[in-house]
Amino acid sequence: MPLGWLLAAVSTLRWLPAAVDGAVRAARPAWWSGRLACMEVSLATVLVVAVCGRRAHWVHGSRPLPNEAHAWVQTATGTAFGLEDDDPVRPWVVVRVTPALAASDR
């Protein structure tokens, strides 16, 4: 699906459980040979958590030298899932958060 459509759809979601991140990764079918990387895992996590009635945010970020893009899930408390490889020398910079963080969530 086009990224713009996915962002619009996810922006309507408000609630997700944080523990779903591991469950989404574990649920990858053995027969699936396609790509299942940060964007797919984080989007699936946000959707599953929303169905469970909890809040989380789908975050897209980048970092330079070499240029990289990444997607992860962040809860309202600031806990991030999917940033295990965060490098203090080259930290991820948030480019977009969907749904947008409320002032009280920052």
PDB file of N, CA and C in Angstrom:
ATOM      1  N   MET A   1       0.838  -1.182   0.000  1.00  0.00           N
ATOM      2  CA  MET A   1       0.000   0.000   0.000  1.00  0.00           C
ATOM      3  C   MET A   1       0.882   1.245   0.000  1.00  0.00           C
ATOM      4  N   PRO A   2       0.402   2.327  -0.578  1.00  0.00           N
ATOM      5  CA  PRO A   2       1.185   3.563  -0.576  1.00  0.00           C
ATOM      6  C   PRO A   2       1.390   4.076   0.852  1.00  0.00           C
ATOM      7  N   LEU A   3       2.566   4.623   1.115  1.00  0.00           N
ATOM      8  CA  LEU A   3       2.900   5.105   2.453  1.00  0.00           C
ATOM      9  C   LEU A   3       1.916   6.172   2.921  1.00  0.00           C
ATOM     10  N   GLY A   4       1.499   7.065   2.054  1.00  0.00           N
ATOM     11  CA  GLY A   4       0.544   8.104   2.435  1.00  0.00           C
ATOM     12  C   GLY A   4      -0.759   7.514   2.952  1.00  0.00           C
ATOM     13  N   TRP A   5      -1.230   6.439   2.315  1.00  0.00           N
ATOM     14  CA  TRP A   5      -2.467   5.793   2.765  1.00  0.00           C
ATOM     15  C   TRP A   5      -2.266   5.157   4.124  1.00  0.00           C
ATOM     16  N   LEU A   6      -1.133   4.471   4.302  1.00  0.00           N
ATOM     17  CA  LEU A   6      -0.845   3.826   5.586  1.00  0.00           C
ATOM     18  C   LEU A   6      -0.766   4.855   6.711  1.00  0.00           C
ATOM     19  N   LEU A   7      -0.105   5.981   6.459  1.00  0.00           N
ATOM     20  CA  LEU A   7       0.005   7.028   7.478  1.00  0.00           C
ATOM     21  C   LEU A   7      -1.370   7.585   7.829  1.00  0.00           C
ATOM     22  N   ALA A   8      -2.209   7.798   6.832  1.00  0.00           N
ATOM     23  CA  ALA A   8      -3.553   8.311   7.089  1.00  0.00           C
ATOM     24  C   ALA A   8      -4.373   7.308   7.896  1.00  0.00           C
ATOM     25  N   ALA A   9      -4.261   6.028   7.564  1.00  0.00           N
ATOM     26  CA  ALA A   9      -5.017   5.002   8.286  1.00  0.00           C
ATOM     27  C   ALA A   9      -4.547   4.885   9.728  1.00  0.00           C
ATOM     28  N   VAL A  10      -3.238   4.894   9.949  1.00  0.00           N
ATOM     29  CA  VAL A  10      -2.706   4.745  11.294  1.00  0.00           C
ATOM     30  C   VAL A  10      -2.986   5.983  12.142  1.00  0.00           C
ATOM     31  N   SER A  11      -3.092   7.152  11.519  1.00  0.00           N
ATOM     32  CA  SER A  11      -3.329   8.375  12.279  1.00  0.00           C
ATOM     33  C   SER A  11      -4.684   8.359  12.979  1.00  0.00           C
ATOM     34  N   THR A  12      -5.591   7.499  12.536  1.00  0.00           N
ATOM     35  CA  THR A  12      -6.897   7.412  13.187  1.00  0.00           C
ATOM     36  C   THR A  12      -6.864   6.500  14.411  1.00  0.00           C
ATOM     37  N   LEU A  13      -5.800   5.717  14.561  1.00  0.00           N
ATOM     38  CA  LEU A  13      -5.683   4.795  15.691  1.00  0.00           C
ATOM     39  C   LEU A  13      -5.188   5.541  16.922  1.00  0.00           C
ATOM     40  N   ARG A  14      -5.623   5.126  18.076  1.00  0.00           N
ATOM     41  CA  ARG A  14      -5.227   5.819  19.288  1.00  0.00           C
ATOM     42  C   ARG A  14      -4.619   4.922  20.357  1.00  0.00           C
ATOM     43  N   TRP A  15      -4.850   3.629  20.348  1.00  0.00           N
ATOM     44  CA  TRP A  15      -4.438   2.790  21.484  1.00  0.00           C
ATOM     45  C   TRP A  15      -3.789   1.487  21.039  1.00  0.00           C
ATOM     46  N   LEU A  16      -2.687   1.076  21.700  1.00  0.00           N
ATOM     47  CA  LEU A  16      -1.948  -0.159  21.406  1.00  0.00           C
ATOM     48  C   LEU A  16      -1.185  -0.694  22.634  1.00  0.00           C
ATOM     49  N   PRO A  17      -1.071  -2.041  22.901  1.00  0.00           N
ATOM     50  CA  PRO A  17      -0.239  -2.526  24.018  1.00  0.00           C
ATOM     51  C   PRO A  17       1.216  -2.726  23.617  1.00  0.00           C
ATOM     52  N   ALA A  18       2.113  -2.280  24.447  1.00  0.00           N
ATOM     53  CA  ALA A  18       3.540  -2.320  24.136  1.00  0.00           C
ATOM     54  C   ALA A  18       4.086  -3.737  24.024  1.00  0.00           C
ATOM     55  N   ALA A  19       3.576  -4.697  24.760  1.00  0.00           N
ATOM     56  CA  ALA A  19       4.085  -6.066  24.754  1.00  0.00           C
ATOM     57  C   ALA A  19       3.834  -6.773  23.424  1.00  0.00           C
ATOM     58  N   VAL A  20       3.076  -6.175  22.548  1.00  0.00           N
ATOM     59  CA  VAL A  20       2.742  -6.800  21.273  1.00  0.00           C
ATOM     60  C   VAL A  20       3.951  -6.852  20.341  1.00  0.00           C
ATOM     61  N   ASP A  21       4.941  -5.986  20.532  1.00  0.00           N
ATOM     62  CA  ASP A  21       6.100  -5.934  19.655  1.00  0.00           C
ATOM     63  C   ASP A  21       6.741  -7.311  19.484  1.00  0.00           C
ATOM     64  N   GLY A  22       7.024  -7.984  20.571  1.00  0.00           N
ATOM     65  CA  GLY A  22       7.625  -9.314  20.500  1.00  0.00           C
ATOM     66  C   GLY A  22       6.704 -10.332  19.868  1.00  0.00           C
ATOM     67  N   ALA A  23       5.416 -10.225  20.159  1.00  0.00           N
ATOM     68  CA  ALA A  23       4.444 -11.161  19.598  1.00  0.00           C
ATOM     69  C   ALA A  23       4.354 -11.001  18.084  1.00  0.00           C
ATOM     70  N   VAL A  24       4.402  -9.776  17.597  1.00  0.00           N
ATOM     71  CA  VAL A  24       4.341  -9.542  16.152  1.00  0.00           C
ATOM     72  C   VAL A  24       5.557 -10.151  15.476  1.00  0.00           C
ATOM     73  N   ARG A  25       6.727  -9.979  16.076  1.00  0.00           N
ATOM     74  CA  ARG A  25       7.947 -10.554  15.494  1.00  0.00           C
ATOM     75  C   ARG A  25       7.890 -12.088  15.494  1.00  0.00           C
ATOM     76  N   ALA A  26       7.346 -12.659  16.556  1.00  0.00           N
ATOM     77  CA  ALA A  26       7.271 -14.113  16.676  1.00  0.00           C
ATOM     78  C   ALA A  26       6.216 -14.713  15.757  1.00  0.00           C
ATOM     79  N   ALA A  27       5.266 -13.915  15.310  1.00  0.00           N
ATOM     80  CA  ALA A  27       4.162 -14.424  14.500  1.00  0.00           C
ATOM     81  C   ALA A  27       4.494 -14.496  13.014  1.00  0.00           C
ATOM     82  N   ARG A  28       5.704 -14.163  12.624  1.00  0.00           N
ATOM     83  CA  ARG A  28       6.067 -14.217  11.215  1.00  0.00           C
ATOM     84  C   ARG A  28       5.953 -15.653  10.718  1.00  0.00           C
ATOM     85  N   PRO A  29       5.156 -15.886   9.681  1.00  0.00           N
ATOM     86  CA  PRO A  29       4.995 -17.249   9.175  1.00  0.00           C
ATOM     87  C   PRO A  29       6.296 -17.791   8.591  1.00  0.00           C
ATOM     88  N   ALA A  30       6.582 -19.051   8.843  1.00  0.00           N
ATOM     89  CA  ALA A  30       7.812 -19.682   8.344  1.00  0.00           C
ATOM     90  C   ALA A  30       7.835 -19.706   6.818  1.00  0.00           C
ATOM     91  N   TRP A  31       6.679 -19.762   6.180  1.00  0.00           N
ATOM     92  CA  TRP A  31       6.623 -19.843   4.723  1.00  0.00           C
ATOM     93  C   TRP A  31       6.843 -18.501   4.046  1.00  0.00           C
ATOM     94  N   TRP A  32       6.838 -17.408   4.818  1.00  0.00           N
ATOM     95  CA  TRP A  32       6.958 -16.070   4.218  1.00  0.00           C
ATOM     96  C   TRP A  32       8.405 -15.798   3.866  1.00  0.00           C
ATOM     97  N   SER A  33       8.686 -15.663   2.586  1.00  0.00           N
ATOM     98  CA  SER A  33      10.057 -15.394   2.147  1.00  0.00           C
ATOM     99  C   SER A  33      10.261 -13.928   1.816  1.00  0.00           C
ATOM    100  N   GLY A  34       9.199 -13.142   1.916  1.00  0.00           N
ATOM    101  CA  GLY A  34       9.288 -11.725   1.589  1.00  0.00           C
ATOM    102  C   GLY A  34       9.918 -10.902   2.694  1.00  0.00           C
ATOM    103  N   ARG A  35      10.025  -9.633   2.429  1.00  0.00           N
ATOM    104  CA  ARG A  35      10.627  -8.698   3.372  1.00  0.00           C
ATOM    105  C   ARG A  35       9.712  -8.515   4.577  1.00  0.00           C
ATOM    106  N   LEU A  36      10.273  -8.610   5.745  1.00  0.00           N
ATOM    107  CA  LEU A  36       9.544  -8.322   6.978  1.00  0.00           C
ATOM    108  C   LEU A  36      10.545  -7.595   7.870  1.00  0.00           C
ATOM    109  N   ALA A  37      10.656  -6.300   7.640  1.00  0.00           N
ATOM    110  CA  ALA A  37      11.666  -5.507   8.337  1.00  0.00           C
ATOM    111  C   ALA A  37      10.991  -4.475   9.235  1.00  0.00           C
ATOM    112  N   CYS A  38      11.723  -3.442   9.596  1.00  0.00           N
ATOM    113  CA  CYS A  38      11.255  -2.485  10.600  1.00  0.00           C
ATOM    114  C   CYS A  38       9.909  -1.857  10.254  1.00  0.00           C
ATOM    115  N   MET A  39       9.692  -1.489   9.014  1.00  0.00           N
ATOM    116  CA  MET A  39       8.440  -0.818   8.659  1.00  0.00           C
ATOM    117  C   MET A  39       7.246  -1.767   8.805  1.00  0.00           C
ATOM    118  N   GLU A  40       7.388  -2.984   8.316  1.00  0.00           N
ATOM    119  CA  GLU A  40       6.290  -3.942   8.397  1.00  0.00           C
ATOM    120  C   GLU A  40       6.020  -4.371   9.837  1.00  0.00           C
ATOM    121  N   VAL A  41       7.075  -4.632  10.594  1.00  0.00           N
ATOM    122  CA  VAL A  41       6.908  -5.067  11.988  1.00  0.00           C
ATOM    123  C   VAL A  41       6.305  -3.952  12.838  1.00  0.00           C
ATOM    124  N   SER A  42       6.801  -2.732  12.677  1.00  0.00           N
ATOM    125  CA  SER A  42       6.280  -1.627  13.491  1.00  0.00           C
ATOM    126  C   SER A  42       4.832  -1.310  13.121  1.00  0.00           C
ATOM    127  N   LEU A  43       4.486  -1.339  11.845  1.00  0.00           N
ATOM    128  CA  LEU A  43       3.102  -1.083  11.446  1.00  0.00           C
ATOM    129  C   LEU A  43       2.186  -2.178  11.988  1.00  0.00           C
ATOM    130  N   ALA A  44       2.590  -3.437  11.866  1.00  0.00           N
ATOM    131  CA  ALA A  44       1.775  -4.531  12.400  1.00  0.00           C
ATOM    132  C   ALA A  44       1.593  -4.382  13.906  1.00  0.00           C
ATOM    133  N   THR A  45       2.641  -3.980  14.600  1.00  0.00           N
ATOM    134  CA  THR A  45       2.555  -3.783  16.049  1.00  0.00           C
ATOM    135  C   THR A  45       1.539  -2.701  16.390  1.00  0.00           C
ATOM    136  N   VAL A  46       1.606  -1.582  15.691  1.00  0.00           N
ATOM    137  CA  VAL A  46       0.671  -0.475  15.936  1.00  0.00           C
ATOM    138  C   VAL A  46      -0.769  -0.916  15.680  1.00  0.00           C
ATOM    139  N   LEU A  47      -0.994  -1.655  14.606  1.00  0.00           N
ATOM    140  CA  LEU A  47      -2.350  -2.108  14.288  1.00  0.00           C
ATOM    141  C   LEU A  47      -2.881  -3.099  15.324  1.00  0.00           C
ATOM    142  N   VAL A  48      -2.057  -4.056  15.722  1.00  0.00           N
ATOM    143  CA  VAL A  48      -2.483  -5.056  16.702  1.00  0.00           C
ATOM    144  C   VAL A  48      -2.766  -4.400  18.050  1.00  0.00           C
ATOM    145  N   VAL A  49      -1.898  -3.500  18.463  1.00  0.00           N
ATOM    146  CA  VAL A  49      -2.088  -2.835  19.744  1.00  0.00           C
ATOM    147  C   VAL A  49      -3.353  -1.976  19.722  1.00  0.00           C
ATOM    148  N   ALA A  50      -3.645  -1.345  18.592  1.00  0.00           N
ATOM    149  CA  ALA A  50      -4.865  -0.543  18.474  1.00  0.00           C
ATOM    150  C   ALA A  50      -6.109  -1.406  18.642  1.00  0.00           C
ATOM    151  N   VAL A  51      -6.074  -2.579  18.044  1.00  0.00           N
ATOM    152  CA  VAL A  51      -7.204  -3.505  18.171  1.00  0.00           C
ATOM    153  C   VAL A  51      -7.399  -3.903  19.631  1.00  0.00           C
ATOM    154  N   CYS A  52      -6.305  -3.943  20.382  1.00  0.00           N
ATOM    155  CA  CYS A  52      -6.370  -4.298  21.804  1.00  0.00           C
ATOM    156  C   CYS A  52      -6.802  -3.129  22.679  1.00  0.00           C
ATOM    157  N   GLY A  53      -7.004  -1.954  22.102  1.00  0.00           N
ATOM    158  CA  GLY A  53      -7.482  -0.813  22.855  1.00  0.00           C
ATOM    159  C   GLY A  53      -6.422  -0.031  23.599  1.00  0.00           C
ATOM    160  N   ARG A  54      -5.175  -0.072  23.145  1.00  0.00           N
ATOM    161  CA  ARG A  54      -4.091   0.660  23.810  1.00  0.00           C
ATOM    162  C   ARG A  54      -3.486   1.678  22.855  1.00  0.00           C
ATOM    163  N   ARG A  55      -2.689   2.601  23.381  1.00  0.00           N
ATOM    164  CA  ARG A  55      -2.120   3.675  22.573  1.00  0.00           C
ATOM    165  C   ARG A  55      -0.632   3.457  22.288  1.00  0.00           C
ATOM    166  N   ALA A  56      -0.235   3.711  21.048  1.00  0.00           N
ATOM    167  CA  ALA A  56       1.166   3.717  20.640  1.00  0.00           C
ATOM    168  C   ALA A  56       1.273   4.562  19.376  1.00  0.00           C
ATOM    169  N   HIS A  57       2.497   4.870  18.998  1.00  0.00           N
ATOM    170  CA  HIS A  57       2.733   5.719  17.830  1.00  0.00           C
ATOM    171  C   HIS A  57       3.690   5.025  16.872  1.00  0.00           C
ATOM    172  N   TRP A  58       3.413   5.182  15.576  1.00  0.00           N
ATOM    173  CA  TRP A  58       4.280   4.656  14.528  1.00  0.00           C
ATOM    174  C   TRP A  58       5.259   5.762  14.188  1.00  0.00           C
ATOM    175  N   VAL A  59       6.551   5.525  14.406  1.00  0.00           N
ATOM    176  CA  VAL A  59       7.568   6.561  14.247  1.00  0.00           C
ATOM    177  C   VAL A  59       8.493   6.210  13.091  1.00  0.00           C
ATOM    178  N   HIS A  60       8.764   7.206  12.253  1.00  0.00           N
ATOM    179  CA  HIS A  60       9.739   7.064  11.171  1.00  0.00           C
ATOM    180  C   HIS A  60      10.891   8.006  11.476  1.00  0.00           C
ATOM    181  N   GLY A  61      12.111   7.513  11.293  1.00  0.00           N
ATOM    182  CA  GLY A  61      13.269   8.347  11.567  1.00  0.00           C
ATOM    183  C   GLY A  61      14.386   8.087  10.585  1.00  0.00           C
ATOM    184  N   SER A  62      15.448   8.874  10.731  1.00  0.00           N
ATOM    185  CA  SER A  62      16.611   8.717   9.865  1.00  0.00           C
ATOM    186  C   SER A  62      17.866   9.112  10.626  1.00  0.00           C
ATOM    187  N   ARG A  63      19.013   8.791  10.028  1.00  0.00           N
ATOM    188  CA  ARG A  63      20.307   9.231  10.551  1.00  0.00           C
ATOM    189  C   ARG A  63      21.299   9.270   9.394  1.00  0.00           C
ATOM    190  N   PRO A  64      22.319  10.143   9.511  1.00  0.00           N
ATOM    191  CA  PRO A  64      23.267  10.312   8.405  1.00  0.00           C
ATOM    192  C   PRO A  64      24.521   9.457   8.531  1.00  0.00           C
ATOM    193  N   LEU A  65      25.247   9.416   7.444  1.00  0.00           N
ATOM    194  CA  LEU A  65      26.602   8.862   7.341  1.00  0.00           C
ATOM    195  C   LEU A  65      26.790   7.450   7.870  1.00  0.00           C
ATOM    196  N   PRO A  66      26.457   6.425   7.174  1.00  0.00           N
ATOM    197  CA  PRO A  66      25.709   6.444   5.922  1.00  0.00           C
ATOM    198  C   PRO A  66      24.226   6.679   6.191  1.00  0.00           C
ATOM    199  N   ASN A  67      23.558   7.257   5.226  1.00  0.00           N
ATOM    200  CA  ASN A  67      22.148   7.578   5.388  1.00  0.00           C
ATOM    201  C   ASN A  67      21.325   6.308   5.579  1.00  0.00           C
ATOM    202  N   GLU A  68      20.456   6.331   6.589  1.00  0.00           N
ATOM    203  CA  GLU A  68      19.596   5.191   6.879  1.00  0.00           C
ATOM    204  C   GLU A  68      18.217   5.704   7.283  1.00  0.00           C
ATOM    205  N   ALA A  69      17.216   4.887   7.040  1.00  0.00           N
ATOM    206  CA  ALA A  69      15.858   5.160   7.503  1.00  0.00           C
ATOM    207  C   ALA A  69      15.431   3.993   8.387  1.00  0.00           C
ATOM    208  N   HIS A  70      14.517   4.268   9.318  1.00  0.00           N
ATOM    209  CA  HIS A  70      14.083   3.231  10.250  1.00  0.00           C
ATOM    210  C   HIS A  70      12.675   3.566  10.736  1.00  0.00           C
ATOM    211  N   ALA A  71      11.933   2.548  11.128  1.00  0.00           N
ATOM    212  CA  ALA A  71      10.598   2.726  11.700  1.00  0.00           C
ATOM    213  C   ALA A  71      10.527   1.950  13.003  1.00  0.00           C
ATOM    214  N   TRP A  72       9.832   2.507  14.004  1.00  0.00           N
ATOM    215  CA  TRP A  72       9.686   1.844  15.287  1.00  0.00           C
ATOM    216  C   TRP A  72       8.387   2.276  15.942  1.00  0.00           C
ATOM    217  N   VAL A  73       8.089   1.684  17.082  1.00  0.00           N
ATOM    218  CA  VAL A  73       6.872   1.978  17.833  1.00  0.00           C
ATOM    219  C   VAL A  73       7.272   2.686  19.124  1.00  0.00           C
ATOM    220  N   GLN A  74       6.520   3.716  19.477  1.00  0.00           N
ATOM    221  CA  GLN A  74       6.771   4.445  20.716  1.00  0.00           C
ATOM    222  C   GLN A  74       5.470   4.565  21.493  1.00  0.00           C
ATOM    223  N   THR A  75       5.545   4.335  22.799  1.00  0.00           N
ATOM    224  CA  THR A  75       4.362   4.483  23.649  1.00  0.00           C
ATOM    225  C   THR A  75       4.274   5.918  24.148  1.00  0.00           C
ATOM    226  N   ALA A  76       3.148   6.260  24.742  1.00  0.00           N
ATOM    227  CA  ALA A  76       2.953   7.609  25.272  1.00  0.00           C
ATOM    228  C   ALA A  76       3.949   7.932  26.381  1.00  0.00           C
ATOM    229  N   THR A  77       4.480   6.912  27.054  1.00  0.00           N
ATOM    230  CA  THR A  77       5.457   7.136  28.126  1.00  0.00           C
ATOM    231  C   THR A  77       6.867   7.344  27.577  1.00  0.00           C
ATOM    232  N   GLY A  78       7.045   7.208  26.265  1.00  0.00           N
ATOM    233  CA  GLY A  78       8.355   7.409  25.655  1.00  0.00           C
ATOM    234  C   GLY A  78       9.137   6.142  25.428  1.00  0.00           C
ATOM    235  N   THR A  79       8.613   5.002  25.846  1.00  0.00           N
ATOM    236  CA  THR A  79       9.289   3.727  25.617  1.00  0.00           C
ATOM    237  C   THR A  79       9.259   3.409  24.126  1.00  0.00           C
ATOM    238  N   ALA A  80      10.410   3.050  23.570  1.00  0.00           N
ATOM    239  CA  ALA A  80      10.504   2.743  22.150  1.00  0.00           C
ATOM    240  C   ALA A  80      10.772   1.261  21.950  1.00  0.00           C
ATOM    241  N   PHE A  81      10.084   0.665  20.994  1.00  0.00           N
ATOM    242  CA  PHE A  81      10.272  -0.734  20.630  1.00  0.00           C
ATOM    243  C   PHE A  81      10.748  -0.784  19.191  1.00  0.00           C
ATOM    244  N   GLY A  82      11.879  -1.426  18.971  1.00  0.00           N
ATOM    245  CA  GLY A  82      12.447  -1.506  17.632  1.00  0.00           C
ATOM    246  C   GLY A  82      13.679  -0.644  17.474  1.00  0.00           C
ATOM    247  N   LEU A  83      14.229  -0.119  18.574  1.00  0.00           N
ATOM    248  CA  LEU A  83      15.447   0.697  18.512  1.00  0.00           C
ATOM    249  C   LEU A  83      16.620   0.008  19.208  1.00  0.00           C
ATOM    250  N   GLU A  84      16.682  -1.304  19.128  1.00  0.00           N
ATOM    251  CA  GLU A  84      17.736  -2.041  19.810  1.00  0.00           C
ATOM    252  C   GLU A  84      19.121  -1.671  19.298  1.00  0.00           C
ATOM    253  N   ASP A  85      19.211  -1.249  18.035  1.00  0.00           N
ATOM    254  CA  ASP A  85      20.516  -0.919  17.449  1.00  0.00           C
ATOM    255  C   ASP A  85      20.822   0.573  17.508  1.00  0.00           C
ATOM    256  N   ASP A  86      20.207   1.310  18.431  1.00  0.00           N
ATOM    257  CA  ASP A  86      20.435   2.747  18.512  1.00  0.00           C
ATOM    258  C   ASP A  86      21.894   3.014  18.864  1.00  0.00           C
ATOM    259  N   ASP A  87      22.521   3.894  18.122  1.00  0.00           N
ATOM    260  CA  ASP A  87      23.936   4.217  18.276  1.00  0.00           C
ATOM    261  C   ASP A  87      24.061   5.638  18.822  1.00  0.00           C
ATOM    262  N   PRO A  88      24.697   5.831  19.998  1.00  0.00           N
ATOM    263  CA  PRO A  88      24.808   7.174  20.563  1.00  0.00           C
ATOM    264  C   PRO A  88      25.611   8.131  19.683  1.00  0.00           C
ATOM    265  N   VAL A  89      26.490   7.595  18.847  1.00  0.00           N
ATOM    266  CA  VAL A  89      27.271   8.447  17.952  1.00  0.00           C
ATOM    267  C   VAL A  89      26.421   8.906  16.768  1.00  0.00           C
ATOM    268  N   ARG A  90      25.529   8.040  16.320  1.00  0.00           N
ATOM    269  CA  ARG A  90      24.633   8.348  15.200  1.00  0.00           C
ATOM    270  C   ARG A  90      23.191   8.072  15.630  1.00  0.00           C
ATOM    271  N   PRO A  91      22.619   8.897  16.486  1.00  0.00           N
ATOM    272  CA  PRO A  91      21.264   8.618  16.979  1.00  0.00           C
ATOM    273  C   PRO A  91      20.210   8.815  15.882  1.00  0.00           C
ATOM    274  N   TRP A  92      19.089   8.128  16.062  1.00  0.00           N
ATOM    275  CA  TRP A  92      17.971   8.288  15.135  1.00  0.00           C
ATOM    276  C   TRP A  92      17.300   9.628  15.394  1.00  0.00           C
ATOM    277  N   VAL A  93      16.936  10.321  14.331  1.00  0.00           N
ATOM    278  CA  VAL A  93      16.211  11.584  14.411  1.00  0.00           C
ATOM    279  C   VAL A  93      14.796  11.314  13.920  1.00  0.00           C
ATOM    280  N   VAL A  94      13.816  11.665  14.738  1.00  0.00           N
ATOM    281  CA  VAL A  94      12.418  11.434  14.372  1.00  0.00           C
ATOM    282  C   VAL A  94      12.034  12.358  13.222  1.00  0.00           C
ATOM    283  N   VAL A  95      11.457  11.768  12.172  1.00  0.00           N
ATOM    284  CA  VAL A  95      11.008  12.519  11.008  1.00  0.00           C
ATOM    285  C   VAL A  95       9.491  12.687  11.043  1.00  0.00           C
ATOM    286  N   ARG A  96       8.785  11.613  11.427  1.00  0.00           N
ATOM    287  CA  ARG A  96       7.323  11.667  11.455  1.00  0.00           C
ATOM    288  C   ARG A  96       6.802  10.710  12.509  1.00  0.00           C
ATOM    289  N   VAL A  97       5.751  11.132  13.228  1.00  0.00           N
ATOM    290  CA  VAL A  97       5.083  10.310  14.227  1.00  0.00           C
ATOM    291  C   VAL A  97       3.602  10.264  13.868  1.00  0.00           C
ATOM    292  N   THR A  98       3.047   9.057  13.783  1.00  0.00           N
ATOM    293  CA  THR A  98       1.640   8.880  13.435  1.00  0.00           C
ATOM    294  C   THR A  98       0.990   7.936  14.438  1.00  0.00           C
ATOM    295  N   PRO A  99      -0.112   8.249  15.084  1.00  0.00           N
ATOM    296  CA  PRO A  99      -0.709   9.587  15.148  1.00  0.00           C
ATOM    297  C   PRO A  99       0.227  10.528  15.884  1.00  0.00           C
ATOM    298  N   ALA A 100       0.066  11.812  15.604  1.00  0.00           N
ATOM    299  CA  ALA A 100       0.957  12.826  16.176  1.00  0.00           C
ATOM    300  C   ALA A 100       0.919  12.760  17.706  1.00  0.00           C
ATOM    301  N   LEU A 101       2.069  13.017  18.322  1.00  0.00           N
ATOM    302  CA  LEU A 101       2.149  13.049  19.780  1.00  0.00           C
ATOM    303  C   LEU A 101       1.443  14.294  20.299  1.00  0.00           C
ATOM    304  N   ALA A 102       0.628  14.115  21.327  1.00  0.00           N
ATOM    305  CA  ALA A 102       0.004  15.252  21.979  1.00  0.00           C
ATOM    306  C   ALA A 102       1.067  15.970  22.794  1.00  0.00           C
ATOM    307  N   ALA A 103       0.839  17.223  23.130  1.00  0.00           N
ATOM    308  CA  ALA A 103       1.811  17.982  23.912  1.00  0.00           C
ATOM    309  C   ALA A 103       2.126  17.277  25.225  1.00  0.00           C
ATOM    310  N   SER A 104       1.157  16.581  25.809  1.00  0.00           N
ATOM    311  CA  SER A 104       1.368  15.873  27.064  1.00  0.00           C
ATOM    312  C   SER A 104       2.193  14.607  26.881  1.00  0.00           C
ATOM    313  N   ASP A 105       2.342  14.109  25.647  1.00  0.00           N
ATOM    314  CA  ASP A 105       3.106  12.893  25.372  1.00  0.00           C
ATOM    315  C   ASP A 105       4.584  13.172  25.084  1.00  0.00           C
ATOM    316  N   ARG A 106       4.963  14.433  24.925  1.00  0.00           N
ATOM    317  CA  ARG A 106       6.348  14.761  24.541  1.00  0.00           C
ATOM    318  C   ARG A 106       7.253  14.850  25.726  1.00  0.00           C
TER     319      ARG A 106
END
